[in-house]
């Protein structure tokens, strides 16, 4: 099992290195939290049903949020679960392409009087830069972002 996980990590890093667009879904913090709390729950079931195991990734911003939550809770068990999850999913680094998306999204939302949280803004800009659909339970926030696909995998069908 460990060698399989190491292989998946290596594949993810190689995809990132060669900038090969194979990812479709950027998983938000609440989706990854669901995977940690319920490894066979709704999120896991949706990933399996879609055959999306290799099509999911997350943002460095989401990884930071997960690590912050584990640190704040002070739970070594939770920290270990977060580390294990982050070792099995591609964590996309930020790059300079995010700059213009971030600025345009922020200006658009502020002018409309509908700003979103700073981390969600970065996550949205990152997803839009990479052409990824954001998978989140926070539809209300992300749906305000123009030209961003959003879906909730925790919602009952």
N, C-alpha and C. Protein backbone atom coordinates (compact mmCIF):
# COMPACT_ATOMS: atom_id res chain seq x y z
N UNK A 1 0.83 -1.20 0.00
CA UNK A 1 0.00 0.00 0.00
C UNK A 1 0.87 1.26 0.00
N UNK A 2 1.94 1.25 0.80
CA UNK A 2 2.81 2.41 0.86
C UNK A 2 3.47 2.70 -0.50
N UNK A 3 3.90 1.65 -1.19
CA UNK A 3 4.54 1.85 -2.49
C UNK A 3 3.53 2.41 -3.50
N UNK A 4 2.26 1.98 -3.40
CA UNK A 4 1.22 2.52 -4.27
C UNK A 4 1.05 4.02 -4.02
N UNK A 5 1.00 4.42 -2.74
CA UNK A 5 0.86 5.83 -2.40
C UNK A 5 2.07 6.64 -2.88
N UNK A 6 3.25 6.07 -2.72
CA UNK A 6 4.47 6.76 -3.18
C UNK A 6 4.42 6.95 -4.70
N UNK A 7 3.94 5.93 -5.41
CA UNK A 7 3.81 6.03 -6.85
C UNK A 7 2.82 7.13 -7.22
N UNK A 8 1.66 7.19 -6.53
CA UNK A 8 0.66 8.23 -6.81
C UNK A 8 1.25 9.62 -6.57
N UNK A 9 2.01 9.77 -5.50
CA UNK A 9 2.64 11.05 -5.19
C UNK A 9 3.62 11.43 -6.28
N UNK A 10 4.44 10.48 -6.70
CA UNK A 10 5.40 10.73 -7.76
C UNK A 10 4.69 11.12 -9.06
N UNK A 11 3.61 10.41 -9.39
CA UNK A 11 2.85 10.75 -10.60
C UNK A 11 2.31 12.18 -10.51
N UNK A 12 1.77 12.54 -9.36
CA UNK A 12 1.23 13.88 -9.18
C UNK A 12 2.31 14.93 -9.36
N UNK A 13 3.46 14.69 -8.75
CA UNK A 13 4.55 15.66 -8.85
C UNK A 13 5.07 15.77 -10.28
N UNK A 14 5.12 14.64 -10.99
CA UNK A 14 5.56 14.69 -12.38
C UNK A 14 4.57 15.46 -13.26
N UNK A 15 3.27 15.25 -13.02
CA UNK A 15 2.26 16.00 -13.78
C UNK A 15 2.44 17.49 -13.56
N UNK A 16 2.64 17.88 -12.31
CA UNK A 16 2.83 19.29 -11.99
C UNK A 16 4.09 19.80 -12.68
N UNK A 17 5.18 19.04 -12.57
CA UNK A 17 6.46 19.46 -13.13
C UNK A 17 6.35 19.68 -14.63
N UNK A 18 5.70 18.78 -15.33
CA UNK A 18 5.56 18.89 -16.78
C UNK A 18 4.32 19.66 -17.20
N UNK A 19 3.60 20.21 -16.20
CA UNK A 19 2.43 21.04 -16.45
C UNK A 19 1.43 20.34 -17.37
N UNK A 20 1.24 19.06 -17.14
CA UNK A 20 0.27 18.29 -17.92
C UNK A 20 -1.09 18.43 -17.27
N UNK A 21 -2.06 18.95 -18.01
CA UNK A 21 -3.39 19.17 -17.45
C UNK A 21 -4.18 17.86 -17.46
N UNK A 22 -4.16 17.20 -16.33
CA UNK A 22 -4.93 15.98 -16.20
C UNK A 22 -5.97 16.12 -15.09
N UNK A 23 -5.87 17.18 -14.32
CA UNK A 23 -6.80 17.37 -13.22
C UNK A 23 -8.06 18.08 -13.71
N UNK A 24 -9.18 17.72 -13.10
CA UNK A 24 -10.47 18.34 -13.43
C UNK A 24 -11.06 19.06 -12.23
N UNK A 25 -10.73 18.55 -11.02
CA UNK A 25 -11.39 19.02 -9.81
C UNK A 25 -10.39 19.53 -8.78
N UNK A 26 -10.67 20.72 -8.25
CA UNK A 26 -9.88 21.25 -7.14
C UNK A 26 -10.75 21.12 -5.89
N UNK A 27 -10.32 20.27 -4.98
CA UNK A 27 -11.10 20.00 -3.77
C UNK A 27 -10.83 21.06 -2.72
N UNK A 28 -11.90 21.67 -2.21
CA UNK A 28 -11.82 22.71 -1.20
C UNK A 28 -11.64 22.08 0.18
N UNK A 29 -11.39 22.92 1.14
CA UNK A 29 -11.10 22.48 2.51
C UNK A 29 -12.21 21.61 3.10
N UNK A 30 -13.47 22.01 2.91
CA UNK A 30 -14.55 21.24 3.54
C UNK A 30 -14.70 19.86 2.91
N UNK A 31 -14.33 19.71 1.66
CA UNK A 31 -14.39 18.39 1.01
C UNK A 31 -13.27 17.50 1.55
N UNK A 32 -12.07 18.06 1.66
CA UNK A 32 -10.96 17.27 2.20
C UNK A 32 -11.19 16.95 3.68
N UNK A 33 -11.80 17.87 4.40
CA UNK A 33 -12.14 17.60 5.81
C UNK A 33 -13.11 16.44 5.90
N UNK A 34 -14.06 16.39 4.98
CA UNK A 34 -15.00 15.27 4.94
C UNK A 34 -14.27 13.95 4.68
N UNK A 35 -13.29 13.98 3.79
CA UNK A 35 -12.52 12.76 3.51
C UNK A 35 -11.75 12.30 4.74
N UNK A 36 -11.26 13.27 5.54
CA UNK A 36 -10.54 12.92 6.76
C UNK A 36 -11.50 12.34 7.80
N UNK A 37 -12.63 13.00 7.98
CA UNK A 37 -13.60 12.58 9.01
C UNK A 37 -14.34 11.30 8.61
N UNK A 38 -14.64 11.18 7.32
CA UNK A 38 -15.44 10.05 6.83
C UNK A 38 -14.79 9.47 5.57
N UNK A 39 -13.76 8.66 5.74
CA UNK A 39 -13.03 8.13 4.57
C UNK A 39 -13.89 7.36 3.57
N UNK A 40 -15.07 6.93 3.99
CA UNK A 40 -15.97 6.26 3.05
C UNK A 40 -17.27 7.06 2.87
N UNK A 41 -17.22 8.33 3.23
CA UNK A 41 -18.39 9.20 3.17
C UNK A 41 -18.72 9.69 1.77
N UNK A 42 -19.55 10.72 1.70
CA UNK A 42 -20.05 11.25 0.42
C UNK A 42 -18.94 11.63 -0.56
N UNK A 43 -17.94 12.35 -0.06
CA UNK A 43 -16.86 12.80 -0.96
C UNK A 43 -16.13 11.61 -1.55
N UNK A 44 -15.78 10.66 -0.71
CA UNK A 44 -15.08 9.46 -1.18
C UNK A 44 -15.94 8.69 -2.18
N UNK A 45 -17.23 8.58 -1.88
CA UNK A 45 -18.15 7.87 -2.79
C UNK A 45 -18.23 8.57 -4.14
N UNK A 46 -18.26 9.89 -4.13
CA UNK A 46 -18.35 10.65 -5.38
C UNK A 46 -17.07 10.48 -6.21
N UNK A 47 -15.93 10.54 -5.55
CA UNK A 47 -14.65 10.35 -6.24
C UNK A 47 -14.62 8.97 -6.89
N UNK A 48 -15.04 7.95 -6.16
CA UNK A 48 -15.06 6.59 -6.69
C UNK A 48 -16.05 6.46 -7.85
N UNK A 49 -17.24 7.01 -7.67
CA UNK A 49 -18.28 6.91 -8.70
C UNK A 49 -17.84 7.57 -10.01
N UNK A 50 -17.11 8.67 -9.91
CA UNK A 50 -16.64 9.38 -11.10
C UNK A 50 -15.34 8.80 -11.65
N UNK A 51 -14.73 7.90 -10.90
CA UNK A 51 -13.42 7.40 -11.30
C UNK A 51 -12.41 8.53 -11.29
N UNK A 52 -12.57 9.43 -10.31
CA UNK A 52 -11.80 10.68 -10.29
C UNK A 52 -10.57 10.64 -9.40
N UNK A 53 -10.13 9.47 -8.99
CA UNK A 53 -9.00 9.38 -8.07
C UNK A 53 -7.78 10.13 -8.58
N UNK A 54 -7.53 10.10 -9.88
CA UNK A 54 -6.36 10.77 -10.44
C UNK A 54 -6.71 12.12 -11.06
N UNK A 55 -7.96 12.52 -10.96
CA UNK A 55 -8.38 13.79 -11.56
C UNK A 55 -8.61 14.88 -10.51
N UNK A 56 -8.36 14.54 -9.24
CA UNK A 56 -8.56 15.48 -8.14
C UNK A 56 -7.24 16.04 -7.66
N UNK A 57 -7.28 17.29 -7.30
CA UNK A 57 -6.11 17.94 -6.72
C UNK A 57 -6.63 18.96 -5.72
N UNK A 58 -5.73 19.66 -5.09
CA UNK A 58 -6.11 20.76 -4.23
C UNK A 58 -5.09 21.87 -4.38
N UNK A 59 -5.37 22.98 -3.75
CA UNK A 59 -4.50 24.16 -3.82
C UNK A 59 -3.61 24.21 -2.59
N UNK A 60 -2.47 24.82 -2.74
CA UNK A 60 -1.59 25.07 -1.62
C UNK A 60 -2.33 25.83 -0.51
N UNK A 61 -3.26 26.70 -0.89
CA UNK A 61 -4.04 27.47 0.08
C UNK A 61 -4.90 26.53 0.93
N UNK A 62 -5.52 25.55 0.30
CA UNK A 62 -6.34 24.56 1.02
C UNK A 62 -5.45 23.75 1.95
N UNK A 63 -4.29 23.34 1.47
CA UNK A 63 -3.35 22.58 2.32
C UNK A 63 -2.98 23.40 3.55
N UNK A 64 -2.75 24.70 3.36
CA UNK A 64 -2.45 25.59 4.49
C UNK A 64 -3.61 25.64 5.48
N UNK A 65 -4.83 25.72 4.97
CA UNK A 65 -6.01 25.76 5.85
C UNK A 65 -6.13 24.47 6.66
N UNK A 66 -5.89 23.33 6.03
CA UNK A 66 -5.97 22.05 6.73
C UNK A 66 -4.91 21.95 7.83
N UNK A 67 -3.68 22.35 7.48
CA UNK A 67 -2.60 22.31 8.47
C UNK A 67 -2.88 23.27 9.62
N UNK A 68 -3.42 24.44 9.31
CA UNK A 68 -3.79 25.41 10.35
C UNK A 68 -4.83 24.80 11.29
N UNK A 69 -5.86 24.19 10.74
CA UNK A 69 -6.91 23.57 11.56
C UNK A 69 -6.36 22.50 12.48
N UNK A 70 -5.46 21.68 11.96
CA UNK A 70 -4.86 20.62 12.78
C UNK A 70 -3.98 21.22 13.88
N UNK A 71 -3.23 22.23 13.53
CA UNK A 71 -2.36 22.90 14.52
C UNK A 71 -3.20 23.56 15.61
N UNK A 72 -4.25 24.24 15.20
CA UNK A 72 -5.12 24.92 16.15
C UNK A 72 -5.76 23.93 17.12
N UNK A 73 -6.17 22.78 16.60
CA UNK A 73 -6.81 21.77 17.44
C UNK A 73 -5.79 21.11 18.38
N UNK A 74 -4.53 21.10 17.97
CA UNK A 74 -3.49 20.51 18.82
C UNK A 74 -3.59 19.00 18.93
N UNK A 75 -4.11 18.37 17.90
CA UNK A 75 -4.31 16.92 17.92
C UNK A 75 -3.28 16.22 17.02
N UNK A 76 -2.37 15.46 17.62
CA UNK A 76 -1.41 14.72 16.80
C UNK A 76 -2.10 13.74 15.84
N UNK A 77 -3.21 13.15 16.27
CA UNK A 77 -3.93 12.21 15.41
C UNK A 77 -4.49 12.92 14.18
N UNK A 78 -5.07 14.10 14.39
CA UNK A 78 -5.60 14.87 13.26
C UNK A 78 -4.47 15.33 12.34
N UNK A 79 -3.38 15.78 12.93
CA UNK A 79 -2.23 16.21 12.13
C UNK A 79 -1.73 15.06 11.25
N UNK A 80 -1.68 13.86 11.82
CA UNK A 80 -1.24 12.69 11.05
C UNK A 80 -2.21 12.39 9.90
N UNK A 81 -3.51 12.52 10.15
CA UNK A 81 -4.50 12.28 9.10
C UNK A 81 -4.40 13.33 7.99
N UNK A 82 -4.19 14.59 8.37
CA UNK A 82 -4.02 15.66 7.38
C UNK A 82 -2.77 15.39 6.55
N UNK A 83 -1.67 15.05 7.21
CA UNK A 83 -0.42 14.76 6.49
C UNK A 83 -0.60 13.59 5.53
N UNK A 84 -1.30 12.55 5.99
CA UNK A 84 -1.53 11.39 5.14
C UNK A 84 -2.36 11.76 3.90
N UNK A 85 -3.41 12.55 4.10
CA UNK A 85 -4.24 12.98 2.98
C UNK A 85 -3.44 13.83 2.00
N UNK A 86 -2.67 14.78 2.53
CA UNK A 86 -1.90 15.67 1.66
C UNK A 86 -0.78 14.93 0.92
N UNK A 87 -0.39 13.77 1.45
CA UNK A 87 0.60 12.95 0.75
C UNK A 87 -0.03 12.15 -0.39
N UNK A 88 -1.36 12.05 -0.40
CA UNK A 88 -2.02 11.22 -1.42
C UNK A 88 -2.73 12.03 -2.50
N UNK A 89 -2.82 13.34 -2.32
CA UNK A 89 -3.48 14.18 -3.32
C UNK A 89 -2.47 15.22 -3.82
N UNK A 90 -2.57 15.55 -5.10
CA UNK A 90 -1.67 16.57 -5.65
C UNK A 90 -2.03 17.92 -5.04
N UNK A 91 -1.02 18.60 -4.51
CA UNK A 91 -1.19 19.95 -3.98
C UNK A 91 -0.51 20.88 -4.98
N UNK A 92 -1.35 21.61 -5.72
CA UNK A 92 -0.81 22.47 -6.76
C UNK A 92 -0.19 23.72 -6.16
N UNK A 93 1.03 24.04 -6.58
CA UNK A 93 1.67 25.26 -6.09
C UNK A 93 1.08 26.48 -6.79
N UNK A 94 1.23 27.63 -6.16
CA UNK A 94 0.80 28.87 -6.80
C UNK A 94 1.86 29.26 -7.83
N UNK A 95 1.41 29.92 -8.88
CA UNK A 95 2.36 30.42 -9.88
C UNK A 95 1.94 31.84 -10.29
N UNK A 96 2.75 32.47 -11.09
CA UNK A 96 2.49 33.87 -11.45
C UNK A 96 1.21 34.07 -12.25
N UNK A 97 0.71 33.04 -12.91
CA UNK A 97 -0.51 33.17 -13.70
C UNK A 97 -1.72 33.54 -12.85
N UNK A 98 -1.64 33.26 -11.56
CA UNK A 98 -2.76 33.54 -10.66
C UNK A 98 -2.96 35.05 -10.46
N UNK A 99 -1.92 35.83 -10.67
CA UNK A 99 -1.96 37.26 -10.37
C UNK A 99 -3.10 38.00 -11.06
N UNK A 100 -3.23 37.84 -12.35
CA UNK A 100 -4.27 38.58 -13.07
C UNK A 100 -5.67 38.06 -12.73
N UNK A 101 -5.79 36.76 -12.54
CA UNK A 101 -7.10 36.21 -12.17
C UNK A 101 -7.53 36.74 -10.80
N UNK A 102 -6.61 36.74 -9.86
CA UNK A 102 -6.90 37.25 -8.51
C UNK A 102 -7.38 38.69 -8.58
N UNK A 103 -6.63 39.53 -9.28
CA UNK A 103 -6.97 40.96 -9.36
C UNK A 103 -8.33 41.17 -10.03
N UNK A 104 -8.57 40.48 -11.14
CA UNK A 104 -9.83 40.66 -11.86
C UNK A 104 -11.03 40.18 -11.03
N UNK A 105 -10.88 39.03 -10.39
CA UNK A 105 -11.97 38.51 -9.57
C UNK A 105 -12.26 39.46 -8.41
N UNK A 106 -11.22 39.91 -7.74
CA UNK A 106 -11.41 40.77 -6.57
C UNK A 106 -12.08 42.08 -6.95
N UNK A 107 -11.61 42.71 -8.02
CA UNK A 107 -12.20 43.98 -8.46
C UNK A 107 -13.66 43.77 -8.85
N UNK A 108 -13.94 42.72 -9.61
CA UNK A 108 -15.31 42.44 -10.05
C UNK A 108 -16.24 42.26 -8.85
N UNK A 109 -15.83 41.45 -7.89
CA UNK A 109 -16.68 41.19 -6.72
C UNK A 109 -16.84 42.41 -5.83
N UNK A 110 -15.77 43.17 -5.66
CA UNK A 110 -15.86 44.38 -4.83
C UNK A 110 -16.78 45.41 -5.48
N UNK A 111 -16.66 45.57 -6.79
CA UNK A 111 -17.54 46.52 -7.49
C UNK A 111 -19.00 46.10 -7.40
N UNK A 112 -19.24 44.81 -7.35
CA UNK A 112 -20.62 44.30 -7.23
C UNK A 112 -21.09 44.32 -5.77
N UNK A 113 -20.20 44.70 -4.86
CA UNK A 113 -20.56 44.70 -3.44
C UNK A 113 -20.71 43.30 -2.87
N UNK A 114 -20.00 42.32 -3.47
CA UNK A 114 -20.11 40.93 -3.05
C UNK A 114 -18.74 40.28 -2.86
N UNK A 115 -17.88 40.88 -2.04
CA UNK A 115 -16.54 40.28 -1.86
C UNK A 115 -16.65 38.92 -1.18
N UNK A 116 -15.61 38.10 -1.35
CA UNK A 116 -15.54 36.81 -0.67
C UNK A 116 -14.30 36.81 0.21
N UNK A 117 -14.20 35.81 1.09
CA UNK A 117 -13.06 35.71 1.99
C UNK A 117 -11.74 35.62 1.24
N UNK A 118 -10.69 36.07 1.89
CA UNK A 118 -9.38 36.16 1.23
C UNK A 118 -8.86 34.79 0.78
N UNK A 119 -8.99 33.76 1.61
CA UNK A 119 -8.52 32.44 1.18
C UNK A 119 -9.39 31.89 0.05
N UNK A 120 -10.69 32.08 0.14
CA UNK A 120 -11.57 31.62 -0.94
C UNK A 120 -11.27 32.35 -2.24
N UNK A 121 -10.93 33.61 -2.15
CA UNK A 121 -10.55 34.38 -3.34
C UNK A 121 -9.30 33.79 -3.99
N UNK A 122 -8.31 33.45 -3.17
CA UNK A 122 -7.09 32.83 -3.70
C UNK A 122 -7.38 31.45 -4.30
N UNK A 123 -8.21 30.68 -3.62
CA UNK A 123 -8.57 29.34 -4.13
C UNK A 123 -9.31 29.47 -5.46
N UNK A 124 -10.24 30.41 -5.53
CA UNK A 124 -11.00 30.62 -6.77
C UNK A 124 -10.07 31.06 -7.91
N UNK A 125 -9.18 31.97 -7.62
CA UNK A 125 -8.24 32.44 -8.64
C UNK A 125 -7.34 31.30 -9.09
N UNK A 126 -6.91 30.48 -8.16
CA UNK A 126 -6.06 29.34 -8.49
C UNK A 126 -6.80 28.36 -9.40
N UNK A 127 -8.04 28.03 -9.02
CA UNK A 127 -8.84 27.10 -9.83
C UNK A 127 -9.10 27.67 -11.22
N UNK A 128 -9.45 28.94 -11.28
CA UNK A 128 -9.74 29.55 -12.59
C UNK A 128 -8.49 29.60 -13.45
N UNK A 129 -7.36 29.86 -12.85
CA UNK A 129 -6.08 29.88 -13.58
C UNK A 129 -5.81 28.53 -14.22
N UNK A 130 -6.10 27.47 -13.48
CA UNK A 130 -5.82 26.10 -13.95
C UNK A 130 -6.98 25.48 -14.72
N UNK A 131 -8.11 26.18 -14.82
CA UNK A 131 -9.27 25.66 -15.54
C UNK A 131 -9.93 24.50 -14.81
N UNK A 132 -9.95 24.55 -13.47
CA UNK A 132 -10.49 23.47 -12.66
C UNK A 132 -11.83 23.83 -12.06
N UNK A 133 -12.66 22.82 -11.84
CA UNK A 133 -13.94 22.99 -11.16
C UNK A 133 -13.66 22.90 -9.65
N UNK A 134 -14.19 23.86 -8.89
CA UNK A 134 -14.03 23.83 -7.43
C UNK A 134 -15.11 22.94 -6.84
N UNK A 135 -14.68 21.97 -6.06
CA UNK A 135 -15.59 21.08 -5.37
C UNK A 135 -15.63 21.54 -3.91
N UNK A 136 -16.80 22.02 -3.49
CA UNK A 136 -16.93 22.65 -2.18
C UNK A 136 -18.36 22.55 -1.67
N UNK A 137 -18.50 22.64 -0.36
CA UNK A 137 -19.83 22.78 0.22
C UNK A 137 -20.18 24.25 0.38
N UNK A 138 -19.24 25.11 0.06
CA UNK A 138 -19.39 26.55 0.18
C UNK A 138 -19.79 27.17 -1.16
N UNK A 139 -20.86 26.68 -1.72
CA UNK A 139 -21.33 27.11 -3.04
C UNK A 139 -21.65 28.60 -3.06
N UNK A 140 -22.30 29.09 -2.02
CA UNK A 140 -22.74 30.48 -1.97
C UNK A 140 -21.58 31.46 -2.21
N UNK A 141 -20.45 31.17 -1.61
CA UNK A 141 -19.28 32.04 -1.75
C UNK A 141 -18.66 31.93 -3.15
N UNK A 142 -18.37 30.71 -3.57
CA UNK A 142 -17.67 30.50 -4.83
C UNK A 142 -18.53 30.79 -6.06
N UNK A 143 -19.84 30.65 -5.94
CA UNK A 143 -20.73 30.89 -7.08
C UNK A 143 -20.71 32.34 -7.54
N UNK A 144 -20.26 33.23 -6.70
CA UNK A 144 -20.17 34.67 -7.08
C UNK A 144 -19.04 34.94 -8.06
N UNK A 145 -18.11 34.02 -8.17
CA UNK A 145 -16.92 34.24 -9.01
C UNK A 145 -17.26 33.95 -10.46
N UNK A 146 -17.11 34.96 -11.33
CA UNK A 146 -17.41 34.75 -12.75
C UNK A 146 -16.48 33.70 -13.38
N UNK A 147 -17.03 32.93 -14.29
CA UNK A 147 -16.27 31.94 -15.06
C UNK A 147 -15.57 30.91 -14.19
N UNK A 148 -16.23 30.52 -13.10
CA UNK A 148 -15.71 29.48 -12.23
C UNK A 148 -16.78 28.41 -12.05
N UNK A 149 -16.44 27.18 -12.41
CA UNK A 149 -17.37 26.07 -12.21
C UNK A 149 -17.28 25.60 -10.76
N UNK A 150 -18.44 25.35 -10.16
CA UNK A 150 -18.50 24.96 -8.76
C UNK A 150 -19.50 23.81 -8.60
N UNK A 151 -19.16 22.86 -7.73
CA UNK A 151 -20.05 21.73 -7.49
C UNK A 151 -19.91 21.29 -6.04
N UNK A 152 -21.02 20.83 -5.45
CA UNK A 152 -21.02 20.38 -4.06
C UNK A 152 -21.19 18.86 -4.02
N UNK A 153 -20.15 18.16 -3.59
CA UNK A 153 -20.22 16.71 -3.50
C UNK A 153 -20.78 16.24 -2.15
N UNK A 154 -21.03 17.15 -1.23
CA UNK A 154 -21.59 16.77 0.06
C UNK A 154 -23.11 16.86 0.08
N UNK A 155 -23.66 17.50 -0.92
CA UNK A 155 -25.10 17.68 -1.02
C UNK A 155 -25.78 16.36 -1.34
N UNK A 156 -26.92 16.12 -0.70
CA UNK A 156 -27.68 14.91 -0.99
C UNK A 156 -28.24 15.00 -2.40
N UNK A 157 -28.18 13.89 -3.12
CA UNK A 157 -28.67 13.89 -4.51
C UNK A 157 -30.11 13.48 -4.58
